[in-house]
Structure formats: structure tokens, C-alpha cells
C-alpha atoms as a PDB file:
ATOM      1  CA  MET A   1     -26.671 198.206 -88.364  1.00  0.00           C
ATOM      2  CA  SER A   2     -26.456 196.468 -92.165  1.00  0.00           C
ATOM      3  CA  LEU A   3     -29.007 196.554 -94.624  1.00  0.00           C
ATOM      4  CA  THR A   4     -29.532 192.596 -94.368  1.00  0.00           C
ATOM      5  CA  GLU A   5     -30.516 193.524 -90.524  1.00  0.00           C
ATOM      6  CA  LEU A   6     -33.230 195.291 -92.179  1.00  0.00           C
ATOM      7  CA  VAL A   7     -34.581 192.071 -93.728  1.00  0.00           C
ATOM      8  CA  GLU A   8     -34.267 190.190 -90.435  1.00  0.00           C
ATOM      9  CA  ILE A   9     -36.351 192.481 -88.853  1.00  0.00           C
ATOM     10  CA  ILE A  10     -38.912 191.849 -90.771  1.00  0.00           C
ATOM     11  CA  GLU A  11     -38.673 188.048 -91.065  1.00  0.00           C
ATOM     12  CA  ASP A  12     -38.612 188.131 -87.357  1.00  0.00           C
ATOM     13  CA  GLN A  13     -41.767 190.032 -86.876  1.00  0.00           C
ATOM     14  CA  GLY A  14     -43.574 188.249 -89.589  1.00  0.00           C
ATOM     15  CA  LYS A  15     -43.450 190.439 -92.176  1.00  0.00           C
ATOM     16  CA  GLY A  16     -46.141 192.366 -92.036  1.00  0.00           C
ATOM     17  CA  VAL A  17     -47.497 196.414 -91.168  1.00  0.00           C
ATOM     18  CA  ARG A  18     -45.363 196.820 -87.974  1.00  0.00           C
ATOM     19  CA  ALA A  19     -42.310 195.155 -89.211  1.00  0.00           C
ATOM     20  CA  TYR A  20     -42.040 197.267 -91.879  1.00  0.00           C
ATOM     21  CA  ALA A  21     -43.000 200.611 -89.509  1.00  0.00           C
ATOM     22  CA  GLU A  22     -40.744 199.467 -87.402  1.00  0.00           C
ATOM     23  CA  CYS A  23     -37.989 198.951 -90.283  1.00  0.00           C
ATOM     24  CA  ALA A  24     -38.951 202.070 -91.546  1.00  0.00           C
ATOM     25  CA  ARG A  25     -38.197 203.762 -87.675  1.00  0.00           C
ATOM     26  CA  MET A  26     -34.355 201.997 -88.395  1.00  0.00           C
ATOM     27  CA  CYS A  27     -33.698 203.425 -91.661  1.00  0.00           C
ATOM     28  CA  ARG A  28     -34.705 207.177 -89.942  1.00  0.00           C
ATOM     29  CA  ASP A  29     -32.812 206.598 -87.105  1.00  0.00           C
ATOM     30  CA  ARG A  30     -30.296 205.602 -89.157  1.00  0.00           C
ATOM     31  CA  LEU A  31     -30.615 208.481 -91.486  1.00  0.00           C
ATOM     32  CA  GLN A  32     -29.943 210.975 -88.423  1.00  0.00           C
ATOM     33  CA  SER A  33     -25.974 210.385 -88.733  1.00  0.00           C
ATOM     34  CA  ARG A  34     -24.878 210.378 -92.663  1.00  0.00           C
ATOM     35  CA  SER A  35     -23.178 207.351 -94.053  1.00  0.00           C
ATOM     36  CA  GLY A  36     -22.379 205.813 -97.246  1.00  0.00           C
ATOM     37  CA  LEU A  37     -25.550 204.130 -97.218  1.00  0.00           C
ATOM     38  CA  SER A  38     -27.696 207.090 -96.443  1.00  0.00           C
ATOM     39  CA  ALA A  39     -29.457 207.388 -99.702  1.00  0.00           C
ATOM     40  CA  ALA A  40     -29.789 203.509 -99.160  1.00  0.00           C
ATOM     41  CA  TYR A  41     -31.868 203.902 -96.037  1.00  0.00           C
ATOM     42  CA  LEU A  42     -33.579 206.360 -97.927  1.00  0.00           C
ATOM     43  CA  LEU A  43     -35.069 204.767-100.438  1.00  0.00           C
ATOM     44  CA  LEU A  44     -35.319 201.912 -97.862  1.00  0.00           C
ATOM     45  CA  THR A  45     -37.873 204.156 -95.978  1.00  0.00           C
ATOM     46  CA  ILE A  46     -39.892 204.966 -98.797  1.00  0.00           C
ATOM     47  CA  ALA A  47     -40.331 201.641 -99.155  1.00  0.00           C
ATOM     48  CA  ALA A  48     -41.025 200.248 -96.222  1.00  0.00           C
ATOM     49  CA  ASP A  49     -43.731 203.190 -96.072  1.00  0.00           C
ATOM     50  CA  LYS A  50     -45.285 202.046 -98.790  1.00  0.00           C
ATOM     51  CA  PHE A  51     -46.007 199.365 -97.092  1.00  0.00           C
ATOM     52  CA  VAL A  52     -47.705 200.207 -94.237  1.00  0.00           C
ATOM     53  CA  ASP A  53     -49.746 202.869 -96.487  1.00  0.00           C
ATOM     54  CA  ALA A  54     -50.688 199.676 -98.975  1.00  0.00           C
ATOM     55  CA  TYR A  55     -51.520 197.670 -95.963  1.00  0.00           C
ATOM     56  CA  ASP A  56     -51.902 199.118 -92.630  1.00  0.00           C
ATOM     57  CA  ASP A  57     -55.883 199.423 -93.042  1.00  0.00           C
ATOM     58  CA  GLN A  58     -56.410 196.108 -95.056  1.00  0.00           C
ATOM     59  CA  PRO A  59     -55.976 192.442 -94.534  1.00  0.00           C
ATOM     60  CA  LEU A  60     -52.741 191.300 -95.979  1.00  0.00           C
ATOM     61  CA  LEU A  61     -52.868 187.218 -97.442  1.00  0.00           C
ATOM     62  CA  SER A  62     -49.827 185.663 -96.669  1.00  0.00           C
ATOM     63  CA  GLN A  63     -48.720 184.985-100.269  1.00  0.00           C
ATOM     64  CA  ARG A  64     -48.904 189.299-100.987  1.00  0.00           C
ATOM     65  CA  ALA A  65     -46.428 190.051 -97.603  1.00  0.00           C
ATOM     66  CA  GLU A  66     -44.296 187.124 -98.907  1.00  0.00           C
ATOM     67  CA  ASP A  67     -44.346 188.802-102.344  1.00  0.00           C
ATOM     68  CA  GLU A  68     -44.135 191.923-100.814  1.00  0.00           C
ATOM     69  CA  PHE A  69     -41.158 190.828 -98.381  1.00  0.00           C
ATOM     70  CA  LEU A  70     -39.619 188.939-101.267  1.00  0.00           C
ATOM     71  CA  ARG A  71     -39.545 192.519-103.864  1.00  0.00           C
ATOM     72  CA  PHE A  72     -38.133 194.422-100.130  1.00  0.00           C
ATOM     73  CA  LYS A  73     -35.617 191.877 -99.805  1.00  0.00           C
ATOM     74  CA  GLY A  74     -34.385 192.371-103.544  1.00  0.00           C
ATOM     75  CA  TYR A  75     -33.974 196.531-103.036  1.00  0.00           C
ATOM     76  CA  VAL A  76     -31.315 195.715-100.649  1.00  0.00           C
ATOM     77  CA  ASP A  77     -29.725 192.598-102.216  1.00  0.00           C
ATOM     78  CA  GLN A  78     -29.193 194.917-104.707  1.00  0.00           C
ATOM     79  CA  LEU A  79     -28.082 198.420-102.554  1.00  0.00           C
ATOM     80  CA  GLN A  80     -25.231 195.725-100.626  1.00  0.00           C
ATOM     81  CA  ALA A  81     -24.446 195.035-104.480  1.00  0.00           C
ATOM     82  CA  GLY A  82     -24.551 198.587-105.179  1.00  0.00           C
ATOM     83  CA  GLU A  83     -22.374 199.832-102.301  1.00  0.00           C
ATOM     84  CA  GLN A  84     -19.721 196.613-102.757  1.00  0.00           C
ATOM     85  CA  GLN A  85     -18.658 198.347-106.031  1.00  0.00           C
ATOM     86  CA  THR A  86     -15.845 200.333-106.508  1.00  0.00           C
ATOM     87  CA  ASP A  87     -17.192 203.058-109.327  1.00  0.00           C
ATOM     88  CA  ALA A  88     -19.450 205.560-108.232  1.00  0.00           C
ATOM     89  CA  THR A  89     -21.047 205.320-111.889  1.00  0.00           C
ATOM     90  CA  VAL A  90     -22.459 201.602-110.597  1.00  0.00           C
ATOM     91  CA  LYS A  91     -23.302 202.663-107.382  1.00  0.00           C
ATOM     92  CA  LEU A  92     -25.682 205.690-108.987  1.00  0.00           C
ATOM     93  CA  GLU A  93     -26.754 203.677-111.734  1.00  0.00           C
ATOM     94  CA  THR A  94     -28.238 200.903-108.802  1.00  0.00           C
ATOM     95  CA  LEU A  95     -29.733 203.682-106.750  1.00  0.00           C
ATOM     96  CA  ASN A  96     -31.098 204.880-109.519  1.00  0.00           C
ATOM     97  CA  ARG A  97     -32.787 202.052-110.738  1.00  0.00           C
ATOM     98  CA  ILE A  98     -34.080 201.320-106.763  1.00  0.00           C
ATOM     99  CA  ALA A  99     -35.847 204.931-107.040  1.00  0.00           C
ATOM    100  CA  ALA A 100     -37.633 204.111-110.315  1.00  0.00           C
ATOM    101  CA  GLU A 101     -38.951 200.330-108.905  1.00  0.00           C
ATOM    102  CA  ILE A 102     -39.876 201.613-105.410  1.00  0.00           C
ATOM    103  CA  ALA A 103     -41.555 204.706-107.601  1.00  0.00           C
ATOM    104  CA  ASN A 104     -43.051 202.395-109.929  1.00  0.00           C
ATOM    105  CA  HIS A 105     -44.359 199.909-107.421  1.00  0.00           C
END
């Protein structure tokens, strides 16, 4: 599974809480085996879980769902671009930047 498939899952399932819960579950499954994307999957698990925690017990306006989806997609795009870099420092900087964005959102 590629990182972009996570975005497709959320999009296909209507960008709601259940879509993010499924995304988080899939990321956790990917963490069972080590890979070069383990840190990315961990960060995306945290981001998806934060969405579920924030909106599971309240109505989710369509504009808010779209805004959150674009934010999540931005994380995926940045992580994917960082992963394509050959410089380990750039990869680490990307992971750190995304981690800070998720923590501060």
C-alpha cells in the first residue's frame, strides 16, 4: 500500500470519521512490519486518530471535512516527496516538520 492509497481511502469513504478510523487501522497494520515508511505511517496514524478523536462525537460540517482532508493530503504529499529524497537529512527534516504540524493542529 502506498501513502497515496490512504488519501484515496478517505476520499472514497466520504472524508468522514469512519474513513479516518479505517486509515489509522491500515497504518497500524503497516507498522507491524518494518519499512522505510514506518515513521510516515506512524505520523499518519496519529493524524488520523486525532481527527477521529476530534469529530467522533459531534457533527462534521462539509467544509471542515474538506479542510481536514486537504490538511491530511498535504501531510501525505510532503511525506511522499520527502521519501523520494536521497539525502537522509532532508527526509528527517520532512518527518520533523510533519510531526510538528500534527502536534500543533
